[in-house]
Amino acid sequence: MKFKVLLVIIFCSFANLANAEEVFFTNDRCSGLKSTIENLILLTDGQWGKLLTNPNDNGAASELSWTMNLAENYSSLYSVFCAKN
């Protein structure tokens, strides 16, 4: 039984090493990520407008903050994995 478990672990390790060269962030995925970032930035323009008309609207402020944080996180992913492409 221990021998079979050991064989399975070794097989999984070799299978993992065989797929190590596969690139997850291809040019298509990177361009999709870039367009998503652009759309999120464009979306914040409308949210700023809602917040400027009613500065006390906590919902609009939360929505704007969430969108800006998401754009920042996606930008970090893009700069790490896609900037070299």
N, C-alpha and C. Protein backbone atom coordinates (compact mmCIF):
# COMPACT_ATOMS: atom_id res chain seq x y z
N MET A 1 0.83 -1.20 0.00
CA MET A 1 0.00 0.00 0.00
C MET A 1 0.87 1.26 0.00
N LYS A 2 1.90 1.27 0.84
CA LYS A 2 2.78 2.43 0.90
C LYS A 2 3.50 2.63 -0.43
N PHE A 3 3.84 1.52 -1.07
CA PHE A 3 4.53 1.59 -2.34
C PHE A 3 3.62 2.23 -3.41
N LYS A 4 2.34 1.89 -3.41
CA LYS A 4 1.40 2.46 -4.38
C LYS A 4 1.22 3.96 -4.15
N VAL A 5 1.13 4.36 -2.90
CA VAL A 5 1.00 5.78 -2.57
C VAL A 5 2.24 6.54 -3.02
N LEU A 6 3.40 5.94 -2.79
CA LEU A 6 4.65 6.56 -3.21
C LEU A 6 4.71 6.69 -4.73
N LEU A 7 4.26 5.68 -5.45
CA LEU A 7 4.23 5.74 -6.91
C LEU A 7 3.29 6.84 -7.41
N VAL A 8 2.16 6.98 -6.77
CA VAL A 8 1.21 8.03 -7.16
C VAL A 8 1.81 9.41 -6.93
N ILE A 9 2.48 9.60 -5.82
CA ILE A 9 3.11 10.89 -5.51
C ILE A 9 4.21 11.19 -6.52
N ILE A 10 5.02 10.20 -6.85
CA ILE A 10 6.09 10.41 -7.83
C ILE A 10 5.50 10.71 -9.20
N PHE A 11 4.47 9.98 -9.59
CA PHE A 11 3.83 10.23 -10.88
C PHE A 11 3.26 11.64 -10.95
N CYS A 12 2.59 12.08 -9.89
CA CYS A 12 2.03 13.43 -9.87
C CYS A 12 3.12 14.49 -9.94
N SER A 13 4.23 14.23 -9.29
CA SER A 13 5.34 15.19 -9.33
C SER A 13 5.90 15.32 -10.74
N PHE A 14 6.08 14.19 -11.43
CA PHE A 14 6.58 14.24 -12.79
C PHE A 14 5.57 14.87 -13.74
N ALA A 15 4.30 14.61 -13.54
CA ALA A 15 3.28 15.21 -14.38
C ALA A 15 3.25 16.72 -14.18
N ASN A 16 3.46 17.16 -12.96
CA ASN A 16 3.49 18.59 -12.67
C ASN A 16 4.69 19.25 -13.33
N LEU A 17 5.83 18.59 -13.30
CA LEU A 17 7.03 19.13 -13.92
C LEU A 17 6.91 19.17 -15.44
N ALA A 18 6.19 18.23 -16.01
CA ALA A 18 6.01 18.20 -17.46
C ALA A 18 5.19 19.39 -17.94
N ASN A 19 4.27 19.88 -17.13
CA ASN A 19 3.42 21.00 -17.52
C ASN A 19 3.96 22.34 -17.03
N ALA A 20 5.15 22.36 -16.49
CA ALA A 20 5.70 23.60 -15.92
C ALA A 20 6.01 24.64 -17.00
N GLU A 21 6.24 24.21 -18.22
CA GLU A 21 6.57 25.14 -19.29
C GLU A 21 5.34 25.82 -19.90
N GLU A 22 4.17 25.37 -19.55
CA GLU A 22 2.94 25.94 -20.10
C GLU A 22 2.74 27.36 -19.59
N VAL A 23 2.48 28.29 -20.49
CA VAL A 23 2.32 29.70 -20.14
C VAL A 23 0.84 29.97 -19.92
N PHE A 24 0.50 30.45 -18.74
CA PHE A 24 -0.90 30.74 -18.43
C PHE A 24 -1.33 32.08 -19.01
N PHE A 25 -0.47 33.10 -18.89
CA PHE A 25 -0.82 34.43 -19.38
C PHE A 25 -0.31 34.58 -20.81
N THR A 26 -1.11 34.09 -21.74
CA THR A 26 -0.78 34.22 -23.15
C THR A 26 -1.06 35.65 -23.59
N ASN A 27 -0.70 35.97 -24.83
CA ASN A 27 -0.96 37.32 -25.35
C ASN A 27 -2.46 37.61 -25.39
N ASP A 28 -3.27 36.61 -25.71
CA ASP A 28 -4.73 36.82 -25.73
C ASP A 28 -5.26 37.12 -24.34
N ARG A 29 -4.80 36.38 -23.36
CA ARG A 29 -5.25 36.64 -21.98
C ARG A 29 -4.77 37.99 -21.48
N CYS A 30 -3.55 38.36 -21.86
CA CYS A 30 -3.02 39.65 -21.43
C CYS A 30 -3.80 40.80 -22.08
N SER A 31 -4.16 40.66 -23.34
CA SER A 31 -4.95 41.72 -23.98
C SER A 31 -6.35 41.79 -23.39
N GLY A 32 -6.91 40.65 -23.01
CA GLY A 32 -8.21 40.65 -22.33
C GLY A 32 -8.13 41.30 -20.97
N LEU A 33 -7.05 41.04 -20.26
CA LEU A 33 -6.85 41.66 -18.95
C LEU A 33 -6.69 43.17 -19.09
N LYS A 34 -5.97 43.59 -20.13
CA LYS A 34 -5.78 45.02 -20.36
C LYS A 34 -7.10 45.71 -20.70
N SER A 35 -7.92 45.08 -21.51
CA SER A 35 -9.22 45.70 -21.84
C SER A 35 -10.14 45.73 -20.63
N THR A 36 -10.03 44.74 -19.75
CA THR A 36 -10.82 44.76 -18.51
C THR A 36 -10.40 45.92 -17.62
N ILE A 37 -9.10 46.16 -17.53
CA ILE A 37 -8.60 47.29 -16.74
C ILE A 37 -9.10 48.60 -17.32
N GLU A 38 -9.06 48.74 -18.65
CA GLU A 38 -9.54 49.95 -19.29
C GLU A 38 -11.03 50.16 -19.03
N ASN A 39 -11.81 49.10 -19.10
CA ASN A 39 -13.25 49.20 -18.83
C ASN A 39 -13.52 49.59 -17.38
N LEU A 40 -12.75 49.04 -16.45
CA LEU A 40 -12.94 49.41 -15.05
C LEU A 40 -12.60 50.88 -14.82
N ILE A 41 -11.56 51.37 -15.47
CA ILE A 41 -11.21 52.78 -15.32
C ILE A 41 -12.29 53.67 -15.92
N LEU A 42 -12.83 53.27 -17.06
CA LEU A 42 -13.93 54.03 -17.66
C LEU A 42 -15.17 54.00 -16.77
N LEU A 43 -15.39 52.88 -16.12
CA LEU A 43 -16.54 52.75 -15.22
C LEU A 43 -16.44 53.70 -14.04
N THR A 44 -15.23 53.98 -13.57
CA THR A 44 -15.07 54.87 -12.42
C THR A 44 -15.46 56.31 -12.75
N ASP A 45 -15.39 56.70 -14.03
CA ASP A 45 -15.80 58.06 -14.39
C ASP A 45 -17.25 58.31 -14.04
N GLY A 46 -18.12 57.38 -14.39
CA GLY A 46 -19.53 57.53 -14.05
C GLY A 46 -19.78 57.48 -12.56
N GLN A 47 -19.00 56.68 -11.86
CA GLN A 47 -19.17 56.59 -10.41
C GLN A 47 -18.70 57.86 -9.72
N TRP A 48 -17.66 58.50 -10.25
CA TRP A 48 -17.25 59.79 -9.69
C TRP A 48 -18.36 60.82 -9.89
N GLY A 49 -19.02 60.78 -11.05
CA GLY A 49 -20.12 61.71 -11.29
C GLY A 49 -21.25 61.54 -10.29
N LYS A 50 -21.61 60.28 -10.01
CA LYS A 50 -22.66 60.02 -9.01
C LYS A 50 -22.25 60.52 -7.64
N LEU A 51 -20.99 60.32 -7.30
CA LEU A 51 -20.50 60.73 -5.98
C LEU A 51 -20.41 62.25 -5.86
N LEU A 52 -20.05 62.92 -6.94
CA LEU A 52 -19.96 64.38 -6.90
C LEU A 52 -21.33 65.04 -6.79
N THR A 53 -22.35 64.43 -7.39
CA THR A 53 -23.70 65.01 -7.28
C THR A 53 -24.27 64.80 -5.88
N ASN A 54 -23.91 63.71 -5.22
CA ASN A 54 -24.38 63.44 -3.88
C ASN A 54 -23.22 62.92 -3.04
N PRO A 55 -22.45 63.82 -2.41
CA PRO A 55 -21.25 63.41 -1.67
C PRO A 55 -21.54 62.54 -0.44
N ASN A 56 -22.76 62.53 0.04
CA ASN A 56 -23.11 61.76 1.24
C ASN A 56 -23.57 60.34 0.91
N ASP A 57 -23.55 59.97 -0.36
CA ASP A 57 -24.01 58.64 -0.78
C ASP A 57 -22.92 57.61 -0.49
N ASN A 58 -23.11 56.87 0.59
CA ASN A 58 -22.12 55.85 0.98
C ASN A 58 -22.07 54.69 0.00
N GLY A 59 -23.19 54.38 -0.62
CA GLY A 59 -23.22 53.30 -1.60
C GLY A 59 -22.38 53.62 -2.82
N ALA A 60 -22.48 54.85 -3.31
CA ALA A 60 -21.68 55.26 -4.46
C ALA A 60 -20.20 55.30 -4.11
N ALA A 61 -19.89 55.73 -2.89
CA ALA A 61 -18.49 55.76 -2.45
C ALA A 61 -17.92 54.35 -2.33
N SER A 62 -18.70 53.43 -1.81
CA SER A 62 -18.24 52.04 -1.69
C SER A 62 -18.06 51.41 -3.06
N GLU A 63 -19.00 51.69 -3.96
CA GLU A 63 -18.91 51.16 -5.31
C GLU A 63 -17.68 51.69 -6.04
N LEU A 64 -17.40 52.97 -5.88
CA LEU A 64 -16.23 53.58 -6.49
C LEU A 64 -14.95 52.99 -5.90
N SER A 65 -14.90 52.84 -4.61
CA SER A 65 -13.73 52.28 -3.94
C SER A 65 -13.48 50.85 -4.39
N TRP A 66 -14.54 50.06 -4.49
CA TRP A 66 -14.41 48.67 -4.91
C TRP A 66 -13.89 48.59 -6.34
N THR A 67 -14.43 49.43 -7.23
CA THR A 67 -14.01 49.41 -8.63
C THR A 67 -12.56 49.84 -8.78
N MET A 68 -12.16 50.86 -8.04
CA MET A 68 -10.77 51.33 -8.12
C MET A 68 -9.80 50.28 -7.56
N ASN A 69 -10.17 49.62 -6.48
CA ASN A 69 -9.32 48.56 -5.92
C ASN A 69 -9.19 47.39 -6.89
N LEU A 70 -10.30 47.05 -7.55
CA LEU A 70 -10.26 45.96 -8.52
C LEU A 70 -9.37 46.31 -9.70
N ALA A 71 -9.47 47.55 -10.19
CA ALA A 71 -8.62 47.99 -11.29
C ALA A 71 -7.15 47.98 -10.86
N GLU A 72 -6.88 48.37 -9.63
CA GLU A 72 -5.50 48.36 -9.13
C GLU A 72 -4.95 46.94 -9.04
N ASN A 73 -5.78 46.01 -8.55
CA ASN A 73 -5.33 44.61 -8.45
C ASN A 73 -5.07 44.01 -9.83
N TYR A 74 -5.97 44.28 -10.78
CA TYR A 74 -5.77 43.78 -12.14
C TYR A 74 -4.54 44.42 -12.77
N SER A 75 -4.30 45.68 -12.48
CA SER A 75 -3.11 46.36 -13.00
C SER A 75 -1.83 45.73 -12.45
N SER A 76 -1.87 45.33 -11.20
CA SER A 76 -0.71 44.66 -10.61
C SER A 76 -0.46 43.33 -11.30
N LEU A 77 -1.52 42.57 -11.56
CA LEU A 77 -1.37 41.31 -12.28
C LEU A 77 -0.79 41.55 -13.67
N TYR A 78 -1.29 42.58 -14.35
CA TYR A 78 -0.81 42.87 -15.69
C TYR A 78 0.66 43.26 -15.67
N SER A 79 1.04 44.09 -14.72
CA SER A 79 2.44 44.54 -14.69
C SER A 79 3.40 43.40 -14.35
N VAL A 80 2.95 42.43 -13.55
CA VAL A 80 3.81 41.32 -13.17
C VAL A 80 3.90 40.28 -14.28
N PHE A 81 2.76 39.89 -14.85
CA PHE A 81 2.75 38.75 -15.76
C PHE A 81 2.71 39.12 -17.24
N CYS A 82 2.27 40.32 -17.58
CA CYS A 82 2.07 40.64 -18.98
C CYS A 82 2.96 41.74 -19.51
N ALA A 83 3.59 42.51 -18.68
CA ALA A 83 4.40 43.64 -19.16
C ALA A 83 5.59 43.17 -19.99
N LYS A 84 6.09 42.00 -19.72
CA LYS A 84 7.24 41.49 -20.47
C LYS A 84 6.86 41.02 -21.86
N ASN A 85 5.58 40.75 -22.10
CA ASN A 85 5.14 40.26 -23.42
C ASN A 85 5.18 41.38 -24.39
